[in-house]
Amino acid sequence: DGIDRRIQELIAQRAGFALQVGKAKGTLAAAVDYYRPEREAQ
């Protein structure tokens, strides 16, 4: 249970940073503009 809590906290942190990445890219037209398959593969 303790490990699960830490995992959940880290996932929430990652989701927060993912939003920051979106903001750093600026206001884009659609979801496809945020998707980067090369980064995902890495």
Full PDB file with SEQRES, HELIX, SHEET, SSBOND, CRYST1, ORIGX, SCALE, CONECT and MASTER records, all heavy atoms in Angstrom:
SEQRES   1 A   42  ASP GLY ILE ASP ARG ARG ILE GLN GLU LEU ILE ALA GLN          
SEQRES   2 A   42  ARG ALA GLY PHE ALA LEU GLN VAL GLY LYS ALA LYS GLY          
SEQRES   3 A   42  THR LEU ALA ALA ALA VAL ASP TYR TYR ARG PRO GLU ARG          
SEQRES   4 A   42  GLU ALA GLN                                                  
HELIX    1 AA1 GLY A    2  LYS A   25  1                                  24    
HELIX    2 AA2 ALA A   31  ASP A   33  5                                   3    
HELIX    3 AA3 PRO A   37  ALA A   41  1                                   5    
CRYST1    1.000    1.000    1.000  90.00  90.00  90.00 P 1           1          
ORIGX1      1.000000  0.000000  0.000000        0.00000                         
ORIGX2      0.000000  1.000000  0.000000        0.00000                         
ORIGX3      0.000000  0.000000  1.000000        0.00000                         
SCALE1      1.000000  0.000000  0.000000        0.00000                         
SCALE2      0.000000  1.000000  0.000000        0.00000                         
SCALE3      0.000000  0.000000  1.000000        0.00000                         
ATOM      1  N   ASP A   1       0.832  -1.211   0.000  1.00  0.00           N  
ATOM      2  CA  ASP A   1       0.000   0.000   0.000  1.00  0.00           C  
ATOM      3  C   ASP A   1       0.861   1.254   0.000  1.00  0.00           C  
ATOM      4  O   ASP A   1       0.551   2.246  -0.684  1.00  0.00           O  
ATOM      5  CB  ASP A   1      -0.930   0.001   1.218  1.00  0.00           C  
ATOM      6  CG  ASP A   1      -2.029  -1.054   1.106  1.00  0.00           C  
ATOM      7  OD1 ASP A   1      -2.256  -1.544  -0.009  1.00  0.00           O  
ATOM      8  OD2 ASP A   1      -2.634  -1.385   2.149  1.00  0.00           O  
ATOM      9  N   GLY A   2       1.951   1.218   0.746  1.00  0.00           N  
ATOM     10  CA  GLY A   2       2.856   2.371   0.787  1.00  0.00           C  
ATOM     11  C   GLY A   2       3.520   2.613  -0.560  1.00  0.00           C  
ATOM     12  O   GLY A   2       3.635   3.755  -1.013  1.00  0.00           O  
ATOM     13  N   ILE A   3       3.947   1.522  -1.201  1.00  0.00           N  
ATOM     14  CA  ILE A   3       4.546   1.641  -2.541  1.00  0.00           C  
ATOM     15  C   ILE A   3       3.522   2.196  -3.529  1.00  0.00           C  
ATOM     16  O   ILE A   3       3.825   3.073  -4.338  1.00  0.00           O  
ATOM     17  CB  ILE A   3       5.078   0.273  -3.012  1.00  0.00           C  
ATOM     18  CG1 ILE A   3       6.268  -0.158  -2.150  1.00  0.00           C  
ATOM     19  CG2 ILE A   3       5.481   0.333  -4.487  1.00  0.00           C  
ATOM     20  CD1 ILE A   3       6.710  -1.584  -2.391  1.00  0.00           C  
ATOM     21  N   ASP A   4       2.276   1.698  -3.447  1.00  0.00           N  
ATOM     22  CA  ASP A   4       1.226   2.176  -4.359  1.00  0.00           C  
ATOM     23  C   ASP A   4       0.976   3.668  -4.188  1.00  0.00           C  
ATOM     24  O   ASP A   4       0.758   4.393  -5.166  1.00  0.00           O  
ATOM     25  CB  ASP A   4      -0.074   1.402  -4.113  1.00  0.00           C  
ATOM     26  CG  ASP A   4      -0.012  -0.030  -4.626  1.00  0.00           C  
ATOM     27  OD1 ASP A   4       0.916  -0.331  -5.401  1.00  0.00           O  
ATOM     28  OD2 ASP A   4      -0.881  -0.830  -4.253  1.00  0.00           O  
ATOM     29  N   ARG A   5       1.011   4.143  -2.934  1.00  0.00           N  
ATOM     30  CA  ARG A   5       0.817   5.579  -2.694  1.00  0.00           C  
ATOM     31  C   ARG A   5       1.922   6.392  -3.355  1.00  0.00           C  
ATOM     32  O   ARG A   5       1.663   7.428  -3.978  1.00  0.00           O  
ATOM     33  CB  ARG A   5       0.763   5.870  -1.189  1.00  0.00           C  
ATOM     34  CG  ARG A   5      -0.584   5.579  -0.531  1.00  0.00           C  
ATOM     35  CD  ARG A   5      -0.647   6.164   0.869  1.00  0.00           C  
ATOM     36  NE  ARG A   5       0.340   5.557   1.759  1.00  0.00           N  
ATOM     37  CZ  ARG A   5       0.126   4.460   2.476  1.00  0.00           C  
ATOM     38  NH1 ARG A   5      -1.036   3.830   2.403  1.00  0.00           N  
ATOM     39  NH2 ARG A   5       1.063   3.979   3.265  1.00  0.00           N  
ATOM     40  N   ARG A   6       3.167   5.906  -3.230  1.00  0.00           N  
ATOM     41  CA  ARG A   6       4.292   6.634  -3.831  1.00  0.00           C  
ATOM     42  C   ARG A   6       4.194   6.619  -5.358  1.00  0.00           C  
ATOM     43  O   ARG A   6       4.470   7.621  -6.015  1.00  0.00           O  
ATOM     44  CB  ARG A   6       5.626   6.035  -3.365  1.00  0.00           C  
ATOM     45  CG  ARG A   6       5.890   6.220  -1.870  1.00  0.00           C  
ATOM     46  CD  ARG A   6       7.361   6.056  -1.535  1.00  0.00           C  
ATOM     47  NE  ARG A   6       7.857   4.708  -1.789  1.00  0.00           N  
ATOM     48  CZ  ARG A   6       7.761   3.694  -0.942  1.00  0.00           C  
ATOM     49  NH1 ARG A   6       7.161   3.869   0.233  1.00  0.00           N  
ATOM     50  NH2 ARG A   6       8.253   2.504  -1.238  1.00  0.00           N  
ATOM     51  N   ILE A   7       3.795   5.445  -5.923  1.00  0.00           N  
ATOM     52  CA  ILE A   7       3.624   5.366  -7.372  1.00  0.00           C  
ATOM     53  C   ILE A   7       2.568   6.356  -7.840  1.00  0.00           C  
ATOM     54  O   ILE A   7       2.751   7.085  -8.823  1.00  0.00           O  
ATOM     55  CB  ILE A   7       3.237   3.929  -7.798  1.00  0.00           C  
ATOM     56  CG1 ILE A   7       4.415   2.981  -7.590  1.00  0.00           C  
ATOM     57  CG2 ILE A   7       2.786   3.893  -9.261  1.00  0.00           C  
ATOM     58  CD1 ILE A   7       4.073   1.515  -7.839  1.00  0.00           C  
ATOM     59  N   GLN A   8       1.453   6.407  -7.111  1.00  0.00           N  
ATOM     60  CA  GLN A   8       0.370   7.313  -7.496  1.00  0.00           C  
ATOM     61  C   GLN A   8       0.809   8.769  -7.412  1.00  0.00           C  
ATOM     62  O   GLN A   8       0.480   9.592  -8.285  1.00  0.00           O  
ATOM     63  CB  GLN A   8      -0.849   7.080  -6.595  1.00  0.00           C  
ATOM     64  CG  GLN A   8      -2.103   7.798  -7.067  1.00  0.00           C  
ATOM     65  CD  GLN A   8      -3.336   7.363  -6.287  1.00  0.00           C  
ATOM     66  OE1 GLN A   8      -3.320   6.349  -5.596  1.00  0.00           O  
ATOM     67  NE2 GLN A   8      -4.402   8.134  -6.393  1.00  0.00           N  
ATOM     68  N   GLU A   9       1.571   9.102  -6.386  1.00  0.00           N  
ATOM     69  CA  GLU A   9       2.078  10.475  -6.247  1.00  0.00           C  
ATOM     70  C   GLU A   9       2.995  10.826  -7.420  1.00  0.00           C  
ATOM     71  O   GLU A   9       2.924  11.932  -7.975  1.00  0.00           O  
ATOM     72  CB  GLU A   9       2.830  10.622  -4.921  1.00  0.00           C  
ATOM     73  CG  GLU A   9       1.920  10.590  -3.690  1.00  0.00           C  
ATOM     74  CD  GLU A   9       2.718  10.464  -2.388  1.00  0.00           C  
ATOM     75  OE1 GLU A   9       3.962  10.393  -2.475  1.00  0.00           O  
ATOM     76  OE2 GLU A   9       2.095  10.412  -1.316  1.00  0.00           O  
ATOM     77  N   LEU A  10       3.852   9.868  -7.814  1.00  0.00           N  
ATOM     78  CA  LEU A  10       4.787  10.125  -8.912  1.00  0.00           C  
ATOM     79  C   LEU A  10       4.051  10.245 -10.255  1.00  0.00           C  
ATOM     80  O   LEU A  10       4.428  11.059 -11.099  1.00  0.00           O  
ATOM     81  CB  LEU A  10       5.836   9.007  -8.976  1.00  0.00           C  
ATOM     82  CG  LEU A  10       6.844   8.987  -7.816  1.00  0.00           C  
ATOM     83  CD1 LEU A  10       7.692   7.725  -7.873  1.00  0.00           C  
ATOM     84  CD2 LEU A  10       7.737  10.226  -7.858  1.00  0.00           C  
ATOM     85  N   ILE A  11       3.007   9.438 -10.439  1.00  0.00           N  
ATOM     86  CA  ILE A  11       2.222   9.554 -11.676  1.00  0.00           C  
ATOM     87  C   ILE A  11       1.563  10.927 -11.750  1.00  0.00           C  
ATOM     88  O   ILE A  11       1.528  11.572 -12.808  1.00  0.00           O  
ATOM     89  CB  ILE A  11       1.168   8.430 -11.764  1.00  0.00           C  
ATOM     90  CG1 ILE A  11       1.855   7.081 -11.993  1.00  0.00           C  
ATOM     91  CG2 ILE A  11       0.174   8.715 -12.891  1.00  0.00           C  
ATOM     92  CD1 ILE A  11       0.904   5.895 -11.960  1.00  0.00           C  
ATOM     93  N   ALA A  12       1.041  11.397 -10.606  1.00  0.00           N  
ATOM     94  CA  ALA A  12       0.424  12.732 -10.572  1.00  0.00           C  
ATOM     95  C   ALA A  12       1.457  13.807 -10.903  1.00  0.00           C  
ATOM     96  O   ALA A  12       1.163  14.763 -11.644  1.00  0.00           O  
ATOM     97  CB  ALA A  12      -0.198  12.982  -9.206  1.00  0.00           C  
ATOM     98  N   GLN A  13       2.678  13.651 -10.360  1.00  0.00           N  
ATOM     99  CA  GLN A  13       3.746  14.612 -10.673  1.00  0.00           C  
ATOM    100  C   GLN A  13       4.069  14.579 -12.167  1.00  0.00           C  
ATOM    101  O   GLN A  13       4.255  15.622 -12.798  1.00  0.00           O  
ATOM    102  CB  GLN A  13       5.000  14.289  -9.863  1.00  0.00           C  
ATOM    103  CG  GLN A  13       4.890  14.613  -8.379  1.00  0.00           C  
ATOM    104  CD  GLN A  13       6.186  14.292  -7.648  1.00  0.00           C  
ATOM    105  OE1 GLN A  13       7.278  14.373  -8.221  1.00  0.00           O  
ATOM    106  NE2 GLN A  13       6.070  13.904  -6.385  1.00  0.00           N  
ATOM    107  N   ARG A  14       4.136  13.372 -12.733  1.00  0.00           N  
ATOM    108  CA  ARG A  14       4.449  13.252 -14.158  1.00  0.00           C  
ATOM    109  C   ARG A  14       3.364  13.917 -15.001  1.00  0.00           C  
ATOM    110  O   ARG A  14       3.654  14.602 -15.983  1.00  0.00           O  
ATOM    111  CB  ARG A  14       4.568  11.773 -14.553  1.00  0.00           C  
ATOM    112  CG  ARG A  14       5.175  11.577 -15.927  1.00  0.00           C  
ATOM    113  CD  ARG A  14       4.989  10.170 -16.441  1.00  0.00           C  
ATOM    114  NE  ARG A  14       5.819   9.930 -17.612  1.00  0.00           N  
ATOM    115  CZ  ARG A  14       5.575  10.380 -18.838  1.00  0.00           C  
ATOM    116  NH1 ARG A  14       4.510  11.146 -19.055  1.00  0.00           N  
ATOM    117  NH2 ARG A  14       6.391  10.098 -19.843  1.00  0.00           N  
ATOM    118  N   ALA A  15       2.103  13.724 -14.614  1.00  0.00           N  
ATOM    119  CA  ALA A  15       1.007  14.347 -15.358  1.00  0.00           C  
ATOM    120  C   ALA A  15       1.107  15.869 -15.287  1.00  0.00           C  
ATOM    121  O   ALA A  15       0.838  16.568 -16.271  1.00  0.00           O  
ATOM    122  CB  ALA A  15      -0.332  13.876 -14.793  1.00  0.00           C  
ATOM    123  N   GLY A  16       1.539  16.380 -14.129  1.00  0.00           N  
ATOM    124  CA  GLY A  16       1.717  17.818 -13.990  1.00  0.00           C  
ATOM    125  C   GLY A  16       2.814  18.349 -14.896  1.00  0.00           C  
ATOM    126  O   GLY A  16       2.651  19.397 -15.543  1.00  0.00           O  
ATOM    127  N   PHE A  17       3.932  17.616 -14.979  1.00  0.00           N  
ATOM    128  CA  PHE A  17       5.014  18.033 -15.866  1.00  0.00           C  
ATOM    129  C   PHE A  17       4.603  17.920 -17.336  1.00  0.00           C  
ATOM    130  O   PHE A  17       5.023  18.724 -18.168  1.00  0.00           O  
ATOM    131  CB  PHE A  17       6.272  17.200 -15.605  1.00  0.00           C  
ATOM    132  CG  PHE A  17       7.063  17.667 -14.414  1.00  0.00           C  
ATOM    133  CD1 PHE A  17       7.174  16.881 -13.276  1.00  0.00           C  
ATOM    134  CD2 PHE A  17       7.695  18.904 -14.420  1.00  0.00           C  
ATOM    135  CE1 PHE A  17       7.891  17.312 -12.178  1.00  0.00           C  
ATOM    136  CE2 PHE A  17       8.422  19.347 -13.327  1.00  0.00           C  
ATOM    137  CZ  PHE A  17       8.526  18.547 -12.199  1.00  0.00           C  
ATOM    138  N   ALA A  18       3.778  16.911 -17.656  1.00  0.00           N  
ATOM    139  CA  ALA A  18       3.294  16.778 -19.033  1.00  0.00           C  
ATOM    140  C   ALA A  18       2.470  18.004 -19.432  1.00  0.00           C  
ATOM    141  O   ALA A  18       2.567  18.485 -20.570  1.00  0.00           O  
ATOM    142  CB  ALA A  18       2.460  15.507 -19.179  1.00  0.00           C  
ATOM    143  N   LEU A  19       1.675  18.522 -18.497  1.00  0.00           N  
ATOM    144  CA  LEU A  19       0.929  19.745 -18.779  1.00  0.00           C  
ATOM    145  C   LEU A  19       1.869  20.918 -19.014  1.00  0.00           C  
ATOM    146  O   LEU A  19       1.621  21.772 -19.868  1.00  0.00           O  
ATOM    147  CB  LEU A  19      -0.019  20.057 -17.613  1.00  0.00           C  
ATOM    148  CG  LEU A  19      -1.339  19.279 -17.592  1.00  0.00           C  
ATOM    149  CD1 LEU A  19      -2.097  19.589 -16.300  1.00  0.00           C  
ATOM    150  CD2 LEU A  19      -2.197  19.624 -18.795  1.00  0.00           C  
ATOM    151  N   GLN A  20       2.970  20.966 -18.234  1.00  0.00           N  
ATOM    152  CA  GLN A  20       3.944  22.049 -18.419  1.00  0.00           C  
ATOM    153  C   GLN A  20       4.592  21.960 -19.803  1.00  0.00           C  
ATOM    154  O   GLN A  20       4.882  22.990 -20.424  1.00  0.00           O  
ATOM    155  CB  GLN A  20       5.002  21.985 -17.327  1.00  0.00           C  
ATOM    156  CG  GLN A  20       4.481  22.353 -15.940  1.00  0.00           C  
ATOM    157  CD  GLN A  20       5.586  22.385 -14.909  1.00  0.00           C  
ATOM    158  OE1 GLN A  20       6.724  22.748 -15.212  1.00  0.00           O  
ATOM    159  NE2 GLN A  20       5.261  21.991 -13.679  1.00  0.00           N  
ATOM    160  N   VAL A  21       4.850  20.720 -20.260  1.00  0.00           N  
ATOM    161  CA  VAL A  21       5.409  20.552 -21.604  1.00  0.00           C  
ATOM    162  C   VAL A  21       4.461  21.133 -22.640  1.00  0.00           C  
ATOM    163  O   VAL A  21       4.856  21.829 -23.573  1.00  0.00           O  
ATOM    164  CB  VAL A  21       5.682  19.057 -21.899  1.00  0.00           C  
ATOM    165  CG1 VAL A  21       6.008  18.857 -23.381  1.00  0.00           C  
ATOM    166  CG2 VAL A  21       6.816  18.543 -21.041  1.00  0.00           C  
ATOM    167  N   GLY A  22       3.153  20.873 -22.459  1.00  0.00           N  
ATOM    168  CA  GLY A  22       2.163  21.423 -23.371  1.00  0.00           C  
ATOM    169  C   GLY A  22       2.166  22.939 -23.364  1.00  0.00           C  
ATOM    170  O   GLY A  22       2.081  23.580 -24.424  1.00  0.00           O  
ATOM    171  N   LYS A  23       2.285  23.525 -22.166  1.00  0.00           N  
ATOM    172  CA  LYS A  23       2.327  24.988 -22.076  1.00  0.00           C  
ATOM    173  C   LYS A  23       3.591  25.541 -22.722  1.00  0.00           C  
ATOM    174  O   LYS A  23       3.572  26.601 -23.358  1.00  0.00           O  
ATOM    175  CB  LYS A  23       2.253  25.413 -20.611  1.00  0.00           C  
ATOM    176  CG  LYS A  23       0.892  25.134 -19.962  1.00  0.00           C  
ATOM    177  CD  LYS A  23       0.901  25.496 -18.488  1.00  0.00           C  
ATOM    178  CE  LYS A  23      -0.443  25.184 -17.834  1.00  0.00           C  
ATOM    179  NZ  LYS A  23      -0.432  25.468 -16.375  1.00  0.00           N  
ATOM    180  N   ALA A  24       4.711  24.807 -22.553  1.00  0.00           N  
ATOM    181  CA  ALA A  24       5.974  25.262 -23.142  1.00  0.00           C  
ATOM    182  C   ALA A  24       5.910  25.278 -24.664  1.00  0.00           C  
ATOM    183  O   ALA A  24       6.564  26.092 -25.324  1.00  0.00           O  
ATOM    184  CB  ALA A  24       7.121  24.361 -22.680  1.00  0.00           C  
ATOM    185  N   LYS A  25       5.095  24.363 -25.235  1.00  0.00           N  
ATOM    186  CA  LYS A  25       4.953  24.323 -26.694  1.00  0.00           C  
ATOM    187  C   LYS A  25       4.038  25.423 -27.210  1.00  0.00           C  
ATOM    188  O   LYS A  25       3.959  25.659 -28.409  1.00  0.00           O  
ATOM    189  CB  LYS A  25       4.406  22.953 -27.122  1.00  0.00           C  
ATOM    190  CG  LYS A  25       5.396  21.811 -26.929  1.00  0.00           C  
ATOM    191  CD  LYS A  25       4.782  20.490 -27.356  1.00  0.00           C  
ATOM    192  CE  LYS A  25       5.769  19.355 -27.191  1.00  0.00           C  
ATOM    193  NZ  LYS A  25       5.178  18.047 -27.564  1.00  0.00           N  
ATOM    194  N   GLY A  26       3.314  26.072 -26.301  1.00  0.00           N  
ATOM    195  CA  GLY A  26       2.420  27.150 -26.714  1.00  0.00           C  
ATOM    196  C   GLY A  26       1.041  26.632 -27.061  1.00  0.00           C  
ATOM    197  O   GLY A  26       0.747  25.440 -26.961  1.00  0.00           O  
ATOM    198  N   THR A  27       0.194  27.527 -27.462  1.00  0.00           N  
ATOM    199  CA  THR A  27      -1.173  27.171 -27.838  1.00  0.00           C  
ATOM    200  C   THR A  27      -1.165  26.584 -29.238  1.00  0.00           C  
ATOM    201  O   THR A  27      -0.941  27.278 -30.223  1.00  0.00           O  
ATOM    202  CB  THR A  27      -2.090  28.405 -27.788  1.00  0.00           C  
ATOM    203  OG1 THR A  27      -2.014  28.996 -26.494  1.00  0.00           O  
ATOM    204  CG2 THR A  27      -3.524  28.004 -28.085  1.00  0.00           C  
ATOM    205  N   LEU A  28      -1.402  25.283 -29.309  1.00  0.00           N  
ATOM    206  CA  LEU A  28      -1.373  24.591 -30.590  1.00  0.00           C  
ATOM    207  C   LEU A  28      -2.795  24.260 -31.037  1.00  0.00           C  
ATOM    208  O   LEU A  28      -3.756  24.375 -30.274  1.00  0.00           O  
ATOM    209  CB  LEU A  28      -0.529  23.328 -30.486  1.00  0.00           C  
ATOM    210  CG  LEU A  28       0.935  23.575 -30.063  1.00  0.00           C  
ATOM    211  CD1 LEU A  28       1.665  22.268 -29.904  1.00  0.00           C  
ATOM    212  CD2 LEU A  28       1.658  24.456 -31.075  1.00  0.00           C  
ATOM    213  N   ALA A  29      -2.915  23.824 -32.263  1.00  0.00           N  
ATOM    214  CA  ALA A  29      -4.236  23.673 -32.865  1.00  0.00           C  
ATOM    215  C   ALA A  29      -5.017  22.479 -32.333  1.00  0.00           C  
ATOM    216  O   ALA A  29      -6.212  22.553 -32.122  1.00  0.00           O  
ATOM    217  CB  ALA A  29      -4.089  23.561 -34.380  1.00  0.00           C  
ATOM    218  N   ALA A  30      -4.357  21.334 -32.132  1.00  0.00           N  
ATOM    219  CA  ALA A  30      -5.088  20.125 -31.777  1.00  0.00           C  
ATOM    220  C   ALA A  30      -4.156  19.156 -31.066  1.00  0.00           C  
ATOM    221  O   ALA A  30      -2.952  19.396 -30.943  1.00  0.00           O  
ATOM    222  CB  ALA A  30      -5.671  19.480 -33.039  1.00  0.00           C  
ATOM    223  N   ALA A  31      -4.735  18.020 -30.605  1.00  0.00           N  
ATOM    224  CA  ALA A  31      -3.959  17.029 -29.866  1.00  0.00           C  
ATOM    225  C   ALA A  31      -2.775  16.518 -30.675  1.00  0.00           C  
ATOM    226  O   ALA A  31      -1.703  16.251 -30.128  1.00  0.00           O  
ATOM    227  CB  ALA A  31      -4.861  15.862 -29.469  1.00  0.00           C  
ATOM    228  N   VAL A  32      -2.954  16.386 -31.989  1.00  0.00           N  
ATOM    229  CA  VAL A  32      -1.893  15.858 -32.833  1.00  0.00           C  
ATOM    230  C   VAL A  32      -0.640  16.731 -32.777  1.00  0.00           C  
ATOM    231  O   VAL A  32       0.482  16.246 -32.971  1.00  0.00           O  
ATOM    232  CB  VAL A  32      -2.401  15.705 -34.292  1.00  0.00           C  
ATOM    233  CG1 VAL A  32      -2.709  17.068 -34.907  1.00  0.00           C  
ATOM    234  CG2 VAL A  32      -1.415  14.944 -35.142  1.00  0.00           C  
ATOM    235  N   ASP A  33      -0.808  18.027 -32.491  1.00  0.00           N  
ATOM    236  CA  ASP A  33       0.344  18.929 -32.431  1.00  0.00           C  
ATOM    237  C   ASP A  33       1.185  18.705 -31.172  1.00  0.00           C  
ATOM    238  O   ASP A  33       2.340  19.126 -31.121  1.00  0.00           O  
ATOM    239  CB  ASP A  33      -0.129  20.382 -32.477  1.00  0.00           C  
ATOM    240  CG  ASP A  33      -0.850  20.700 -33.780  1.00  0.00           C  
ATOM    241  OD1 ASP A  33      -0.298  20.384 -34.843  1.00  0.00           O  
ATOM    242  OD2 ASP A  33      -1.968  21.244 -33.720  1.00  0.00           O  
ATOM    243  N   TYR A  34       0.602  18.057 -30.158  1.00  0.00           N  
ATOM    244  CA  TYR A  34       1.345  17.777 -28.929  1.00  0.00           C  
ATOM    245  C   TYR A  34       2.046  16.422 -28.970  1.00  0.00           C  
ATOM    246  O   TYR A  34       2.954  16.163 -28.187  1.00  0.00           O  
ATOM    247  CB  TYR A  34       0.400  17.799 -27.716  1.00  0.00           C  
ATOM    248  CG  TYR A  34      -0.193  19.159 -27.417  1.00  0.00           C  
ATOM    249  CD1 TYR A  34      -1.452  19.510 -27.882  1.00  0.00           C  
ATOM    250  CD2 TYR A  34       0.514  20.092 -26.665  1.00  0.00           C  
ATOM    251  CE1 TYR A  34      -1.999  20.750 -27.615  1.00  0.00           C  
ATOM    252  CE2 TYR A  34      -0.024  21.340 -26.390  1.00  0.00           C  
ATOM    253  CZ  TYR A  34      -1.287  21.663 -26.869  1.00  0.00           C  
ATOM    254  OH  TYR A  34      -1.818  22.896 -26.602  1.00  0.00           O  
ATOM    255  N   TYR A  35       1.607  15.566 -29.876  1.00  0.00           N  
ATOM    256  CA  TYR A  35       2.114  14.186 -29.903  1.00  0.00           C  
ATOM    257  C   TYR A  35       3.452  14.117 -30.627  1.00  0.00           C  
ATOM    258  O   TYR A  35       3.590  14.601 -31.745  1.00  0.00           O  
ATOM    259  CB  TYR A  35       1.095  13.289 -30.601  1.00  0.00           C  
ATOM    260  CG  TYR A  35       1.524  11.845 -30.708  1.00  0.00           C  
ATOM    261  CD1 TYR A  35       1.677  11.053 -29.577  1.00  0.00           C  
ATOM    262  CD2 TYR A  35       1.760  11.265 -31.958  1.00  0.00           C  
ATOM    263  CE1 TYR A  35       2.059   9.726 -29.679  1.00  0.00           C  
ATOM    264  CE2 TYR A  35       2.137   9.936 -32.068  1.00  0.00           C  
ATOM    265  CZ  TYR A  35       2.286   9.170 -30.924  1.00  0.00           C  
ATOM    266  OH  TYR A  35       2.667   7.854 -31.036  1.00  0.00           O  
ATOM    267  N   ARG A  36       4.443  13.487 -29.984  1.00  0.00           N  
ATOM    268  CA  ARG A  36       5.762  13.335 -30.579  1.00  0.00           C  
ATOM    269  C   ARG A  36       6.176  11.865 -30.502  1.00  0.00           C  
ATOM    270  O   ARG A  36       6.676  11.398 -29.488  1.00  0.00           O  
ATOM    271  CB  ARG A  36       6.785  14.217 -29.855  1.00  0.00           C  
ATOM    272  CG  ARG A  36       6.657  15.693 -30.199  1.00  0.00           C  
ATOM    273  CD  ARG A  36       7.029  15.934 -31.647  1.00  0.00           C  
ATOM    274  NE  ARG A  36       6.797  17.304 -32.082  1.00  0.00           N  
ATOM    275  CZ  ARG A  36       5.706  17.753 -32.657  1.00  0.00           C  
ATOM    276  NH1 ARG A  36       4.688  16.925 -32.851  1.00  0.00           N  
ATOM    277  NH2 ARG A  36       5.582  18.990 -33.042  1.00  0.00           N  
ATOM    278  N   PRO A  37       5.961  11.101 -31.578  1.00  0.00           N  
ATOM    279  CA  PRO A  37       6.269   9.665 -31.536  1.00  0.00           C  
ATOM    280  C   PRO A  37       7.739   9.365 -31.298  1.00  0.00           C  
ATOM    281  O   PRO A  37       8.075   8.357 -30.678  1.00  0.00           O  
ATOM    282  CB  PRO A  37       5.816   9.169 -32.916  1.00  0.00           C  
ATOM    283  CG  PRO A  37       5.721  10.385 -33.771  1.00  0.00           C  
ATOM    284  CD  PRO A  37       5.383  11.510 -32.855  1.00  0.00           C  
ATOM    285  N   GLU A  38       8.635  10.248 -31.774  1.00  0.00           N  
ATOM    286  CA  GLU A  38      10.065   9.991 -31.565  1.00  0.00           C  
ATOM    287  C   GLU A  38      10.431  10.088 -30.092  1.00  0.00           C  
ATOM    288  O   GLU A  38      11.233   9.291 -29.568  1.00  0.00           O  
ATOM    289  CB  GLU A  38      10.923  10.933 -32.418  1.00  0.00           C  
ATOM    290  CG  GLU A  38      11.056  12.376 -31.921  1.00  0.00           C  
ATOM    291  CD  GLU A  38       9.848  13.242 -32.215  1.00  0.00           C  
ATOM    292  OE1 GLU A  38       8.848  12.729 -32.761  1.00  0.00           O  
ATOM    293  OE2 GLU A  38       9.901  14.446 -31.895  1.00  0.00           O  
ATOM    294  N   ARG A  39       9.845  11.045 -29.378  1.00  0.00           N  
ATOM    295  CA  ARG A  39      10.101  11.189 -27.940  1.00  0.00           C  
ATOM    296  C   ARG A  39       9.508  10.003 -27.177  1.00  0.00           C  
ATOM    297  O   ARG A  39      10.126   9.466 -26.261  1.00  0.00           O  
ATOM    298  CB  ARG A  39       9.500  12.512 -27.445  1.00  0.00           C  
ATOM    299  CG  ARG A  39       9.476  12.688 -25.937  1.00  0.00           C  
ATOM    300  CD  ARG A  39      10.852  12.624 -25.315  1.00  0.00           C  
ATOM    301  NE  ARG A  39      10.786  12.769 -23.866  1.00  0.00           N  
ATOM    302  CZ  ARG A  39      11.743  12.399 -23.021  1.00  0.00           C  
ATOM    303  NH1 ARG A  39      12.859  11.846 -23.492  1.00  0.00           N  
ATOM    304  NH2 ARG A  39      11.604  12.570 -21.727  1.00  0.00           N  
ATOM    305  N   GLU A  40       8.304   9.581 -27.565  1.00  0.00           N  
ATOM    306  CA  GLU A  40       7.666   8.440 -26.911  1.00  0.00           C  
ATOM    307  C   GLU A  40       8.513   7.180 -27.075  1.00  0.00           C  
ATOM    308  O   GLU A  40       8.685   6.406 -26.128  1.00  0.00           O  
ATOM    309  CB  GLU A  40       6.272   8.229 -27.501  1.00  0.00           C  
ATOM    310  CG  GLU A  40       5.413   7.265 -26.718  1.00  0.00           C  
ATOM    311  CD  GLU A  40       3.975   7.278 -27.195  1.00  0.00           C  
ATOM    312  OE1 GLU A  40       3.198   8.118 -26.716  1.00  0.00           O  
ATOM    313  OE2 GLU A  40       3.638   6.435 -28.051  1.00  0.00           O  
ATOM    314  N   ALA A  41       9.042   6.966 -28.263  1.00  0.00           N  
ATOM    315  CA  ALA A  41       9.887   5.794 -28.519  1.00  0.00           C  
ATOM    316  C   ALA A  41      11.145   5.840 -27.658  1.00  0.00           C  
ATOM    317  O   ALA A  41      11.590   4.814 -27.126  1.00  0.00           O  
ATOM    318  CB  ALA A  41      10.256   5.723 -29.999  1.00  0.00           C  
ATOM    319  N   GLN A  42      11.746   7.020 -27.510  1.00  0.00           N  
ATOM    320  CA  GLN A  42      12.937   7.156 -26.676  1.00  0.00           C  
ATOM    321  C   GLN A  42      12.642   6.802 -25.218  1.00  0.00           C  
ATOM    322  O   GLN A  42      13.420   6.098 -24.564  1.00  0.00           O  
ATOM    323  CB  GLN A  42      13.485   8.581 -26.774  1.00  0.00           C  
ATOM    324  CG  GLN A  42      14.083   8.925 -28.132  1.00  0.00           C  
ATOM    325  CD  GLN A  42      14.291  10.414 -28.331  1.00  0.00           C  
ATOM    326  OE1 GLN A  42      13.884  11.230 -27.505  1.00  0.00           O  
ATOM    327  NE2 GLN A  42      14.907  10.790 -29.446  1.00  0.00           N  
TER     328      GLN A  42                                                      
MASTER        0    0    0    3    0    0    0    6  327    1    0    4          
END                                                                             
